[in-house]
Amino acid sequence: MQLRIEMEGTVFTPCLEGLKHVKNEEGDMLAKPFLDVCKHILPVLDNFGAAMTLVKSDIGGNIRRLENKYESNTSKYKYLYSMVQEEVETKTAKSSSSCTNGLLWLTRAMDFLVALFRNLLLHPDWSMSQACTDSYGKTLKQWHGWLASSSFTVAMKLAPDRKKFMEVIGGKGDINADIEKFCTNFSPFLEQNHKFLAGVGLDNLKAS
């Protein structure tokens, strides 16, 4: 179902609102607000159609995995990294079904989307397919095996017309300004995730 935006603002408005709540006053990353921001991005992906089916299901699956863990004990897992720390201690972090793995791949998928939206701002002459392929090469590609990489390359050829896409996600707001705000404010959280995962030796896991 195509998302038609009747609200004031753009499809990024809920993300931008949510970004204000990701950290507490002490600067700790909170699990639920971070996952909520990632969830708010999913309607943006709906407008890519078939090109983003793989990415969307991957992001959705990792959000659900982390959310289920959070909901199993909301006070214990209030902070995003507490799930990872527990898995590091129990030596289960490298399992393909771990929350650590979920957070790592969720962060990488978000890196891809931030790179894609930056490309749309910086290269107004690029087609959507070109913008997608370039951002994939800068982010996810190095972590994907041949099969995932081939599937992705095929999917990118199905990217929608750029002009139509921008009109749909623009709603009644300034879409370029909102994309700029989103990329600028969301990137530091992703960098912090990578830093944390690298600190526990888990930022370089490849797709199996």
N, C-alpha and C. Protein backbone atom coordinates (compact mmCIF):
# COMPACT_ATOMS: atom_id res chain seq x y z
N MET A 1 0.84 -1.19 0.00
CA MET A 1 0.00 0.00 0.00
C MET A 1 0.88 1.25 0.00
N GLN A 2 0.65 2.12 -0.94
CA GLN A 2 1.44 3.35 -1.00
C GLN A 2 1.03 4.27 0.16
N LEU A 3 2.02 4.90 0.74
CA LEU A 3 1.73 5.79 1.85
C LEU A 3 1.45 7.19 1.29
N ARG A 4 0.29 7.68 1.52
CA ARG A 4 0.00 9.06 1.11
C ARG A 4 0.03 9.91 2.37
N ILE A 5 0.82 10.93 2.32
CA ILE A 5 1.00 11.71 3.54
C ILE A 5 0.04 12.89 3.57
N GLU A 6 -0.90 12.81 4.49
CA GLU A 6 -1.88 13.91 4.60
C GLU A 6 -1.47 14.88 5.71
N MET A 7 -0.51 14.41 6.53
CA MET A 7 -0.15 15.23 7.70
C MET A 7 0.71 16.42 7.26
N GLU A 8 0.85 17.34 8.17
CA GLU A 8 1.81 18.42 7.94
C GLU A 8 3.18 17.79 8.03
N GLY A 9 4.11 18.32 7.28
CA GLY A 9 5.46 17.77 7.36
C GLY A 9 5.66 16.67 6.33
N THR A 10 6.80 16.00 6.44
CA THR A 10 7.17 14.96 5.47
C THR A 10 7.11 13.60 6.14
N VAL A 11 7.46 12.58 5.35
CA VAL A 11 7.47 11.22 5.89
C VAL A 11 8.56 11.09 6.98
N PHE A 12 9.50 12.03 7.01
CA PHE A 12 10.57 11.99 8.03
C PHE A 12 10.17 12.64 9.35
N THR A 13 9.04 13.34 9.36
CA THR A 13 8.66 14.09 10.57
C THR A 13 8.64 13.20 11.83
N PRO A 14 8.02 12.00 11.81
CA PRO A 14 8.03 11.17 13.03
C PRO A 14 9.45 10.74 13.44
N CYS A 15 10.33 10.48 12.44
CA CYS A 15 11.73 10.12 12.75
C CYS A 15 12.42 11.26 13.48
N LEU A 16 12.24 12.46 12.95
CA LEU A 16 12.94 13.62 13.52
C LEU A 16 12.47 13.89 14.95
N GLU A 17 11.18 13.69 15.18
CA GLU A 17 10.64 13.84 16.53
C GLU A 17 11.25 12.77 17.45
N GLY A 18 11.27 11.54 16.95
CA GLY A 18 11.78 10.42 17.74
C GLY A 18 13.25 10.55 18.10
N LEU A 19 14.04 11.16 17.20
CA LEU A 19 15.48 11.28 17.44
C LEU A 19 15.80 12.08 18.71
N LYS A 20 14.88 12.94 19.10
CA LYS A 20 15.11 13.77 20.30
C LYS A 20 15.11 12.93 21.58
N HIS A 21 14.56 11.70 21.49
CA HIS A 21 14.38 10.90 22.71
C HIS A 21 15.28 9.67 22.79
N VAL A 22 16.20 9.54 21.82
CA VAL A 22 17.02 8.32 21.76
C VAL A 22 17.98 8.20 22.94
N LYS A 23 18.48 9.35 23.41
CA LYS A 23 19.41 9.30 24.55
C LYS A 23 18.77 9.96 25.77
N ASN A 24 19.15 9.46 26.94
CA ASN A 24 18.69 10.13 28.17
C ASN A 24 19.64 11.29 28.49
N GLU A 25 19.38 11.96 29.60
CA GLU A 25 20.19 13.15 29.91
C GLU A 25 21.65 12.80 30.16
N GLU A 26 21.91 11.55 30.56
CA GLU A 26 23.30 11.14 30.82
C GLU A 26 24.01 10.74 29.52
N GLY A 27 23.25 10.70 28.42
CA GLY A 27 23.88 10.35 27.14
C GLY A 27 23.85 8.86 26.82
N ASP A 28 23.05 8.09 27.58
CA ASP A 28 22.95 6.65 27.29
C ASP A 28 21.92 6.42 26.19
N MET A 29 22.21 5.46 25.33
CA MET A 29 21.29 5.13 24.24
C MET A 29 20.18 4.24 24.79
N LEU A 30 18.94 4.66 24.58
CA LEU A 30 17.79 3.92 25.11
C LEU A 30 17.24 2.97 24.03
N ALA A 31 16.96 1.75 24.44
CA ALA A 31 16.56 0.71 23.47
C ALA A 31 15.29 1.07 22.69
N LYS A 32 14.22 1.34 23.42
CA LYS A 32 12.93 1.52 22.72
C LYS A 32 12.93 2.75 21.81
N PRO A 33 13.37 3.92 22.27
CA PRO A 33 13.37 5.08 21.37
C PRO A 33 14.24 4.87 20.12
N PHE A 34 15.38 4.18 20.27
CA PHE A 34 16.22 3.92 19.10
C PHE A 34 15.47 3.03 18.10
N LEU A 35 14.86 1.97 18.60
CA LEU A 35 14.13 1.04 17.72
C LEU A 35 12.92 1.73 17.08
N ASP A 36 12.29 2.63 17.85
CA ASP A 36 11.13 3.35 17.30
C ASP A 36 11.53 4.22 16.11
N VAL A 37 12.70 4.88 16.21
CA VAL A 37 13.16 5.71 15.09
C VAL A 37 13.39 4.83 13.85
N CYS A 38 14.01 3.67 14.07
CA CYS A 38 14.24 2.74 12.94
C CYS A 38 12.91 2.31 12.33
N LYS A 39 11.93 2.08 13.19
CA LYS A 39 10.59 1.67 12.71
C LYS A 39 9.93 2.78 11.88
N HIS A 40 10.14 4.01 12.30
CA HIS A 40 9.54 5.15 11.58
C HIS A 40 10.09 5.29 10.16
N ILE A 41 11.25 4.66 9.90
CA ILE A 41 11.84 4.74 8.57
C ILE A 41 11.15 3.77 7.61
N LEU A 42 10.54 2.72 8.16
CA LEU A 42 9.94 1.69 7.29
C LEU A 42 8.91 2.24 6.31
N PRO A 43 8.02 3.18 6.71
CA PRO A 43 7.07 3.74 5.73
C PRO A 43 7.77 4.45 4.57
N VAL A 44 8.98 5.01 4.83
CA VAL A 44 9.72 5.65 3.74
C VAL A 44 10.08 4.59 2.70
N LEU A 45 10.47 3.40 3.20
CA LEU A 45 10.90 2.32 2.30
C LEU A 45 9.75 1.75 1.48
N ASP A 46 8.53 1.85 2.01
CA ASP A 46 7.37 1.35 1.25
C ASP A 46 7.29 2.01 -0.13
N ASN A 47 7.75 3.24 -0.18
CA ASN A 47 7.65 3.99 -1.43
C ASN A 47 8.71 3.61 -2.46
N PHE A 48 9.65 2.75 -2.06
CA PHE A 48 10.63 2.24 -3.01
C PHE A 48 10.09 1.03 -3.76
N GLY A 49 8.98 0.47 -3.26
CA GLY A 49 8.41 -0.72 -3.91
C GLY A 49 9.36 -1.91 -3.82
N ALA A 50 9.43 -2.68 -4.90
CA ALA A 50 10.17 -3.95 -4.90
C ALA A 50 11.67 -3.78 -4.64
N ALA A 51 12.22 -2.61 -4.96
CA ALA A 51 13.66 -2.40 -4.80
C ALA A 51 14.11 -2.58 -3.35
N MET A 52 13.24 -2.26 -2.40
CA MET A 52 13.64 -2.29 -1.00
C MET A 52 13.00 -3.43 -0.21
N THR A 53 12.40 -4.38 -0.89
CA THR A 53 11.74 -5.48 -0.17
C THR A 53 12.72 -6.22 0.73
N LEU A 54 13.90 -6.52 0.19
CA LEU A 54 14.93 -7.24 0.97
C LEU A 54 15.37 -6.44 2.18
N VAL A 55 15.68 -5.17 1.94
CA VAL A 55 16.17 -4.31 3.02
C VAL A 55 15.09 -4.15 4.10
N LYS A 56 13.85 -3.94 3.63
CA LYS A 56 12.77 -3.71 4.59
C LYS A 56 12.53 -4.93 5.47
N SER A 57 12.54 -6.12 4.86
CA SER A 57 12.27 -7.32 5.67
C SER A 57 13.43 -7.57 6.63
N ASP A 58 14.64 -7.25 6.19
CA ASP A 58 15.83 -7.41 7.04
C ASP A 58 15.76 -6.46 8.25
N ILE A 59 15.46 -5.21 7.96
CA ILE A 59 15.35 -4.20 9.04
C ILE A 59 14.22 -4.58 10.00
N GLY A 60 13.06 -4.93 9.43
CA GLY A 60 11.89 -5.29 10.25
C GLY A 60 12.20 -6.48 11.15
N GLY A 61 12.88 -7.49 10.60
CA GLY A 61 13.21 -8.69 11.38
C GLY A 61 14.15 -8.37 12.52
N ASN A 62 15.15 -7.52 12.27
CA ASN A 62 16.11 -7.17 13.33
C ASN A 62 15.48 -6.29 14.40
N ILE A 63 14.58 -5.39 13.99
CA ILE A 63 13.87 -4.57 14.98
C ILE A 63 13.04 -5.49 15.88
N ARG A 64 12.31 -6.44 15.26
CA ARG A 64 11.48 -7.36 16.06
C ARG A 64 12.30 -8.18 17.04
N ARG A 65 13.45 -8.65 16.58
CA ARG A 65 14.32 -9.46 17.45
C ARG A 65 14.73 -8.65 18.69
N LEU A 66 15.16 -7.42 18.46
CA LEU A 66 15.61 -6.57 19.58
C LEU A 66 14.42 -6.14 20.45
N GLU A 67 13.29 -5.87 19.82
CA GLU A 67 12.10 -5.47 20.57
C GLU A 67 11.61 -6.60 21.47
N ASN A 68 11.62 -7.82 20.95
CA ASN A 68 11.17 -8.97 21.75
C ASN A 68 12.04 -9.11 22.99
N LYS A 69 13.34 -8.92 22.81
CA LYS A 69 14.27 -9.01 23.94
C LYS A 69 13.96 -7.89 24.95
N TYR A 70 13.79 -6.69 24.42
CA TYR A 70 13.49 -5.55 25.29
C TYR A 70 12.21 -5.79 26.08
N GLU A 71 11.18 -6.29 25.39
CA GLU A 71 9.88 -6.47 26.04
C GLU A 71 9.89 -7.63 27.05
N SER A 72 10.86 -8.52 26.92
CA SER A 72 10.95 -9.63 27.88
C SER A 72 11.34 -9.13 29.27
N ASN A 73 11.97 -7.95 29.33
CA ASN A 73 12.34 -7.36 30.62
C ASN A 73 12.72 -5.90 30.39
N THR A 74 11.69 -5.03 30.38
CA THR A 74 11.91 -3.64 29.96
C THR A 74 12.86 -2.86 30.87
N SER A 75 12.93 -3.22 32.16
CA SER A 75 13.86 -2.47 33.01
C SER A 75 15.29 -2.97 32.82
N LYS A 76 15.44 -4.29 32.65
CA LYS A 76 16.78 -4.87 32.46
C LYS A 76 17.41 -4.42 31.14
N TYR A 77 16.55 -4.31 30.10
CA TYR A 77 17.06 -3.98 28.77
C TYR A 77 16.69 -2.56 28.34
N LYS A 78 16.56 -1.69 29.31
CA LYS A 78 16.20 -0.30 29.02
C LYS A 78 17.25 0.35 28.10
N TYR A 79 18.51 0.01 28.35
CA TYR A 79 19.60 0.57 27.54
C TYR A 79 19.94 -0.38 26.40
N LEU A 80 20.12 0.18 25.23
CA LEU A 80 20.32 -0.63 24.03
C LEU A 80 21.48 -1.61 24.17
N TYR A 81 22.56 -1.16 24.77
CA TYR A 81 23.76 -2.00 24.79
C TYR A 81 23.72 -3.09 25.87
N SER A 82 22.76 -3.02 26.77
CA SER A 82 22.71 -4.05 27.83
C SER A 82 22.46 -5.44 27.24
N MET A 83 21.71 -5.50 26.13
CA MET A 83 21.44 -6.79 25.49
C MET A 83 22.74 -7.40 24.96
N VAL A 84 23.57 -6.54 24.38
CA VAL A 84 24.84 -7.00 23.81
C VAL A 84 25.79 -7.43 24.92
N GLN A 85 25.87 -6.59 25.96
CA GLN A 85 26.80 -6.91 27.06
C GLN A 85 26.47 -8.27 27.67
N GLU A 86 25.18 -8.54 27.81
CA GLU A 86 24.77 -9.83 28.37
C GLU A 86 25.22 -10.98 27.46
N GLU A 87 25.05 -10.80 26.15
CA GLU A 87 25.44 -11.86 25.21
C GLU A 87 26.96 -12.04 25.15
N VAL A 88 27.69 -10.94 25.30
CA VAL A 88 29.15 -11.04 25.31
C VAL A 88 29.59 -11.87 26.53
N GLU A 89 28.95 -11.59 27.67
CA GLU A 89 29.29 -12.33 28.90
C GLU A 89 28.94 -13.81 28.79
N THR A 90 27.82 -14.12 28.12
CA THR A 90 27.41 -15.53 28.02
C THR A 90 27.97 -16.20 26.75
N LYS A 91 28.82 -15.44 26.04
CA LYS A 91 29.48 -15.95 24.81
C LYS A 91 28.48 -16.41 23.73
N THR A 92 27.35 -15.71 23.65
CA THR A 92 26.36 -16.04 22.61
C THR A 92 26.25 -14.92 21.57
N ALA A 93 27.10 -13.89 21.70
CA ALA A 93 26.97 -12.69 20.84
C ALA A 93 27.17 -12.99 19.36
N LYS A 94 28.01 -14.00 19.05
CA LYS A 94 28.31 -14.25 17.63
C LYS A 94 27.28 -15.14 16.95
N SER A 95 26.33 -15.63 17.72
CA SER A 95 25.28 -16.49 17.12
C SER A 95 24.48 -15.67 16.12
N SER A 96 24.06 -16.32 15.01
CA SER A 96 23.35 -15.57 13.97
C SER A 96 21.99 -15.06 14.47
N SER A 97 21.47 -15.68 15.54
CA SER A 97 20.16 -15.24 16.04
C SER A 97 20.29 -14.32 17.26
N SER A 98 21.51 -13.86 17.55
CA SER A 98 21.71 -13.02 18.74
C SER A 98 21.21 -11.60 18.52
N CYS A 99 20.96 -10.91 19.62
CA CYS A 99 20.58 -9.49 19.54
C CYS A 99 21.76 -8.66 19.07
N THR A 100 22.97 -9.10 19.41
CA THR A 100 24.18 -8.40 18.95
C THR A 100 24.20 -8.38 17.43
N ASN A 101 23.95 -9.54 16.84
CA ASN A 101 23.92 -9.66 15.39
C ASN A 101 22.79 -8.79 14.82
N GLY A 102 21.64 -8.80 15.52
CA GLY A 102 20.50 -7.98 15.10
C GLY A 102 20.85 -6.50 15.08
N LEU A 103 21.52 -6.04 16.15
CA LEU A 103 21.88 -4.62 16.25
C LEU A 103 22.92 -4.26 15.19
N LEU A 104 23.87 -5.16 14.97
CA LEU A 104 24.91 -4.91 13.98
C LEU A 104 24.32 -4.73 12.57
N TRP A 105 23.45 -5.66 12.18
CA TRP A 105 22.87 -5.59 10.83
C TRP A 105 21.84 -4.47 10.70
N LEU A 106 21.16 -4.17 11.79
CA LEU A 106 20.22 -3.04 11.77
C LEU A 106 21.00 -1.74 11.56
N THR A 107 22.11 -1.61 12.27
CA THR A 107 22.95 -0.41 12.15
C THR A 107 23.51 -0.29 10.73
N ARG A 108 23.96 -1.41 10.17
CA ARG A 108 24.50 -1.39 8.81
C ARG A 108 23.44 -1.01 7.78
N ALA A 109 22.23 -1.54 7.96
CA ALA A 109 21.14 -1.19 7.03
C ALA A 109 20.81 0.29 7.13
N MET A 110 20.87 0.83 8.35
CA MET A 110 20.61 2.26 8.54
C MET A 110 21.75 3.10 7.93
N ASP A 111 22.99 2.59 8.01
CA ASP A 111 24.12 3.27 7.35
C ASP A 111 23.83 3.40 5.86
N PHE A 112 23.32 2.31 5.29
CA PHE A 112 23.00 2.29 3.85
C PHE A 112 21.94 3.35 3.53
N LEU A 113 20.90 3.42 4.37
CA LEU A 113 19.82 4.38 4.10
C LEU A 113 20.29 5.81 4.25
N VAL A 114 21.12 6.07 5.27
CA VAL A 114 21.65 7.43 5.45
C VAL A 114 22.50 7.80 4.23
N ALA A 115 23.34 6.86 3.77
CA ALA A 115 24.18 7.13 2.58
C ALA A 115 23.31 7.38 1.35
N LEU A 116 22.22 6.62 1.24
CA LEU A 116 21.31 6.78 0.10
C LEU A 116 20.64 8.16 0.13
N PHE A 117 20.14 8.55 1.30
CA PHE A 117 19.46 9.85 1.38
C PHE A 117 20.46 11.00 1.17
N ARG A 118 21.68 10.81 1.64
CA ARG A 118 22.72 11.83 1.38
C ARG A 118 22.97 11.96 -0.13
N ASN A 119 23.03 10.80 -0.81
CA ASN A 119 23.23 10.82 -2.27
C ASN A 119 22.12 11.58 -2.98
N LEU A 120 20.89 11.41 -2.49
CA LEU A 120 19.75 12.10 -3.12
C LEU A 120 19.89 13.62 -2.96
N LEU A 121 20.49 14.04 -1.84
CA LEU A 121 20.70 15.48 -1.63
C LEU A 121 21.87 16.00 -2.45
N LEU A 122 22.97 15.23 -2.44
CA LEU A 122 24.22 15.72 -3.04
C LEU A 122 24.27 15.57 -4.56
N HIS A 123 23.50 14.62 -5.09
CA HIS A 123 23.58 14.34 -6.54
C HIS A 123 22.19 14.42 -7.18
N PRO A 124 21.69 15.64 -7.35
CA PRO A 124 20.34 15.79 -7.90
C PRO A 124 20.20 15.21 -9.31
N ASP A 125 21.34 15.01 -10.00
CA ASP A 125 21.28 14.50 -11.38
C ASP A 125 21.28 12.97 -11.44
N TRP A 126 21.51 12.29 -10.30
CA TRP A 126 21.58 10.82 -10.31
C TRP A 126 20.18 10.21 -10.36
N SER A 127 20.08 9.07 -11.04
CA SER A 127 18.83 8.31 -10.97
C SER A 127 18.75 7.63 -9.61
N MET A 128 17.57 7.17 -9.24
CA MET A 128 17.39 6.49 -7.96
C MET A 128 18.26 5.22 -7.90
N SER A 129 18.30 4.52 -9.03
CA SER A 129 19.08 3.28 -9.10
C SER A 129 20.57 3.57 -8.86
N GLN A 130 21.06 4.64 -9.45
CA GLN A 130 22.46 5.05 -9.28
C GLN A 130 22.75 5.41 -7.82
N ALA A 131 21.83 6.17 -7.21
CA ALA A 131 21.99 6.58 -5.81
C ALA A 131 22.02 5.36 -4.89
N CYS A 132 21.15 4.39 -5.18
CA CYS A 132 21.09 3.16 -4.37
C CYS A 132 22.36 2.33 -4.51
N THR A 133 22.81 2.15 -5.75
CA THR A 133 23.97 1.30 -6.02
C THR A 133 25.22 1.89 -5.38
N ASP A 134 25.38 3.21 -5.48
CA ASP A 134 26.55 3.87 -4.89
C ASP A 134 26.55 3.72 -3.37
N SER A 135 25.40 3.94 -2.73
CA SER A 135 25.36 3.85 -1.27
C SER A 135 25.54 2.40 -0.80
N TYR A 136 25.05 1.45 -1.59
CA TYR A 136 25.26 0.04 -1.26
C TYR A 136 26.76 -0.29 -1.29
N GLY A 137 27.44 0.20 -2.32
CA GLY A 137 28.89 -0.04 -2.45
C GLY A 137 29.67 0.53 -1.28
N LYS A 138 29.20 1.66 -0.73
CA LYS A 138 29.92 2.31 0.38
C LYS A 138 29.63 1.66 1.73
N THR A 139 28.53 0.91 1.83
CA THR A 139 28.11 0.44 3.16
C THR A 139 27.99 -1.08 3.24
N LEU A 140 26.90 -1.63 2.78
CA LEU A 140 26.59 -3.04 3.02
C LEU A 140 27.44 -4.03 2.21
N LYS A 141 27.87 -3.60 1.03
CA LYS A 141 28.47 -4.55 0.09
C LYS A 141 29.64 -5.34 0.69
N GLN A 142 30.50 -4.64 1.43
CA GLN A 142 31.69 -5.32 1.97
C GLN A 142 31.35 -6.43 2.96
N TRP A 143 30.14 -6.39 3.51
CA TRP A 143 29.75 -7.40 4.52
C TRP A 143 28.90 -8.52 3.93
N HIS A 144 28.50 -8.35 2.69
CA HIS A 144 27.64 -9.34 2.05
C HIS A 144 28.44 -10.37 1.26
N GLY A 145 27.96 -11.59 1.24
CA GLY A 145 28.55 -12.61 0.37
C GLY A 145 28.05 -12.41 -1.05
N TRP A 146 28.51 -13.27 -1.95
CA TRP A 146 28.17 -13.11 -3.37
C TRP A 146 26.66 -13.17 -3.60
N LEU A 147 25.98 -14.08 -2.92
CA LEU A 147 24.55 -14.28 -3.15
C LEU A 147 23.74 -13.04 -2.75
N ALA A 148 24.00 -12.56 -1.53
CA ALA A 148 23.28 -11.37 -1.05
C ALA A 148 23.57 -10.18 -1.95
N SER A 149 24.84 -10.07 -2.35
CA SER A 149 25.26 -8.95 -3.18
C SER A 149 24.56 -8.99 -4.55
N SER A 150 24.45 -10.19 -5.14
CA SER A 150 23.77 -10.32 -6.44
C SER A 150 22.29 -9.98 -6.33
N SER A 151 21.65 -10.49 -5.26
CA SER A 151 20.21 -10.22 -5.06
C SER A 151 19.99 -8.71 -4.95
N PHE A 152 20.90 -8.08 -4.23
CA PHE A 152 20.77 -6.65 -3.99
C PHE A 152 20.91 -5.86 -5.29
N THR A 153 21.91 -6.26 -6.08
CA THR A 153 22.16 -5.57 -7.35
C THR A 153 20.95 -5.66 -8.27
N VAL A 154 20.32 -6.83 -8.30
CA VAL A 154 19.12 -7.02 -9.12
C VAL A 154 17.99 -6.13 -8.60
N ALA A 155 17.80 -6.13 -7.27
CA ALA A 155 16.72 -5.34 -6.66
C ALA A 155 16.87 -3.85 -6.96
N MET A 156 18.12 -3.35 -6.95
CA MET A 156 18.35 -1.92 -7.17
C MET A 156 17.87 -1.47 -8.56
N LYS A 157 17.85 -2.41 -9.50
CA LYS A 157 17.38 -2.07 -10.85
C LYS A 157 15.87 -1.77 -10.86
N LEU A 158 15.19 -2.15 -9.78
CA LEU A 158 13.74 -1.92 -9.69
C LEU A 158 13.41 -0.61 -8.97
N ALA A 159 14.43 0.17 -8.68
CA ALA A 159 14.22 1.42 -7.94
C ALA A 159 13.24 2.33 -8.69
N PRO A 160 12.39 3.04 -7.96
CA PRO A 160 11.35 3.87 -8.59
C PRO A 160 11.92 5.14 -9.23
N ASP A 161 11.08 5.81 -9.97
CA ASP A 161 11.45 7.10 -10.54
C ASP A 161 11.72 8.09 -9.41
N ARG A 162 12.85 8.73 -9.49
CA ARG A 162 13.29 9.60 -8.40
C ARG A 162 12.32 10.76 -8.12
N LYS A 163 11.87 11.41 -9.20
CA LYS A 163 11.02 12.59 -9.04
C LYS A 163 9.71 12.21 -8.32
N LYS A 164 9.10 11.10 -8.78
CA LYS A 164 7.83 10.67 -8.17
C LYS A 164 8.05 10.32 -6.70
N PHE A 165 9.14 9.61 -6.43
CA PHE A 165 9.46 9.20 -5.07
C PHE A 165 9.57 10.42 -4.15
N MET A 166 10.32 11.43 -4.58
CA MET A 166 10.52 12.62 -3.75
C MET A 166 9.20 13.35 -3.51
N GLU A 167 8.33 13.34 -4.52
CA GLU A 167 7.02 14.01 -4.35
C GLU A 167 6.18 13.29 -3.29
N VAL A 168 6.20 11.96 -3.36
CA VAL A 168 5.37 11.18 -2.42
C VAL A 168 5.87 11.34 -0.99
N ILE A 169 7.21 11.25 -0.78
CA ILE A 169 7.69 11.33 0.61
C ILE A 169 7.72 12.77 1.13
N GLY A 170 7.60 13.73 0.20
CA GLY A 170 7.68 15.13 0.61
C GLY A 170 6.49 15.63 1.40
N GLY A 171 5.30 15.06 1.16
CA GLY A 171 4.12 15.53 1.87
C GLY A 171 3.95 17.03 1.70
N LYS A 172 3.76 17.71 2.83
CA LYS A 172 3.56 19.16 2.75
C LYS A 172 4.74 19.91 3.36
N GLY A 173 5.85 19.20 3.53
CA GLY A 173 6.99 19.86 4.17
C GLY A 173 8.15 20.06 3.20
N ASP A 174 9.29 20.49 3.75
CA ASP A 174 10.51 20.69 2.96
C ASP A 174 11.32 19.41 3.04
N ILE A 175 11.20 18.56 2.02
CA ILE A 175 11.80 17.23 2.09
C ILE A 175 13.32 17.29 2.16
N ASN A 176 13.94 18.20 1.40
CA ASN A 176 15.41 18.26 1.43
C ASN A 176 15.93 18.67 2.81
N ALA A 177 15.25 19.61 3.43
CA ALA A 177 15.68 20.05 4.77
C ALA A 177 15.52 18.91 5.77
N ASP A 178 14.42 18.15 5.64
CA ASP A 178 14.19 17.05 6.58
C ASP A 178 15.17 15.91 6.38
N ILE A 179 15.52 15.62 5.12
CA ILE A 179 16.52 14.58 4.86
C ILE A 179 17.86 15.00 5.46
N GLU A 180 18.21 16.26 5.27
CA GLU A 180 19.47 16.78 5.82
C GLU A 180 19.49 16.64 7.34
N LYS A 181 18.39 17.03 7.98
CA LYS A 181 18.30 16.93 9.45
C LYS A 181 18.39 15.48 9.90
N PHE A 182 17.68 14.60 9.19
CA PHE A 182 17.67 13.19 9.55
C PHE A 182 19.09 12.61 9.47
N CYS A 183 19.77 12.84 8.36
CA CYS A 183 21.13 12.29 8.18
C CYS A 183 22.08 12.84 9.24
N THR A 184 21.99 14.15 9.48
CA THR A 184 22.91 14.79 10.43
C THR A 184 22.67 14.31 11.85
N ASN A 185 21.40 14.16 12.24
CA ASN A 185 21.10 13.81 13.64
C ASN A 185 21.14 12.31 13.92
N PHE A 186 20.92 11.50 12.88
CA PHE A 186 20.87 10.05 13.10
C PHE A 186 22.27 9.42 13.01
N SER A 187 23.12 9.96 12.14
CA SER A 187 24.46 9.38 11.92
C SER A 187 25.28 9.19 13.20
N PRO A 188 25.30 10.18 14.13
CA PRO A 188 26.11 9.98 15.34
C PRO A 188 25.66 8.76 16.17
N PHE A 189 24.37 8.44 16.16
CA PHE A 189 23.90 7.26 16.90
C PHE A 189 24.44 5.98 16.25
N LEU A 190 24.47 5.96 14.93
CA LEU A 190 24.98 4.79 14.21
C LEU A 190 26.48 4.64 14.46
N GLU A 191 27.19 5.77 14.46
CA GLU A 191 28.64 5.74 14.73
C GLU A 191 28.89 5.21 16.13
N GLN A 192 28.05 5.63 17.08
CA GLN A 192 28.22 5.16 18.46
C GLN A 192 27.98 3.65 18.55
N ASN A 193 26.99 3.15 17.81
CA ASN A 193 26.76 1.70 17.79
C ASN A 193 27.99 0.96 17.27
N HIS A 194 28.56 1.46 16.17
CA HIS A 194 29.75 0.80 15.61
C HIS A 194 30.91 0.83 16.60
N LYS A 195 31.07 1.96 17.26
CA LYS A 195 32.16 2.11 18.22
C LYS A 195 31.99 1.12 19.37
N PHE A 196 30.75 1.02 19.85
CA PHE A 196 30.47 0.10 20.94
C PHE A 196 30.72 -1.35 20.50
N LEU A 197 30.19 -1.72 19.32
CA LEU A 197 30.35 -3.09 18.83
C LEU A 197 31.82 -3.40 18.55
N ALA A 198 32.56 -2.42 18.05
CA ALA A 198 34.01 -2.62 17.81
C ALA A 198 34.73 -2.82 19.14
N GLY A 199 34.26 -2.10 20.17
CA GLY A 199 34.88 -2.21 21.49
C GLY A 199 34.76 -3.61 22.09
N VAL A 200 33.71 -4.34 21.69
CA VAL A 200 33.57 -5.72 22.19
C VAL A 200 33.98 -6.73 21.09
N GLY A 201 34.65 -6.21 20.04
CA GLY A 201 35.18 -7.08 18.99
C GLY A 201 34.15 -7.68 18.06
N LEU A 202 33.02 -6.99 17.87
CA LEU A 202 31.92 -7.60 17.10
C LEU A 202 31.43 -6.73 15.95
N ASP A 203 32.27 -5.79 15.49
CA ASP A 203 31.78 -4.90 14.44
C ASP A 203 32.14 -5.40 13.04
N ASN A 204 32.86 -6.55 12.96
CA ASN A 204 33.34 -6.98 11.64
C ASN A 204 32.78 -8.32 11.20
N LEU A 205 31.63 -8.72 11.78
CA LEU A 205 31.03 -10.00 11.41
C LEU A 205 30.44 -9.89 10.00
N LYS A 206 30.70 -10.92 9.18
CA LYS A 206 30.17 -10.90 7.81
C LYS A 206 28.91 -11.74 7.74
N ALA A 207 28.17 -11.58 6.67
CA ALA A 207 26.97 -12.41 6.48
C ALA A 207 27.41 -13.84 6.27
N SER A 208 26.67 -14.79 6.86
CA SER A 208 27.08 -16.18 6.71
C SER A 208 26.69 -16.68 5.33
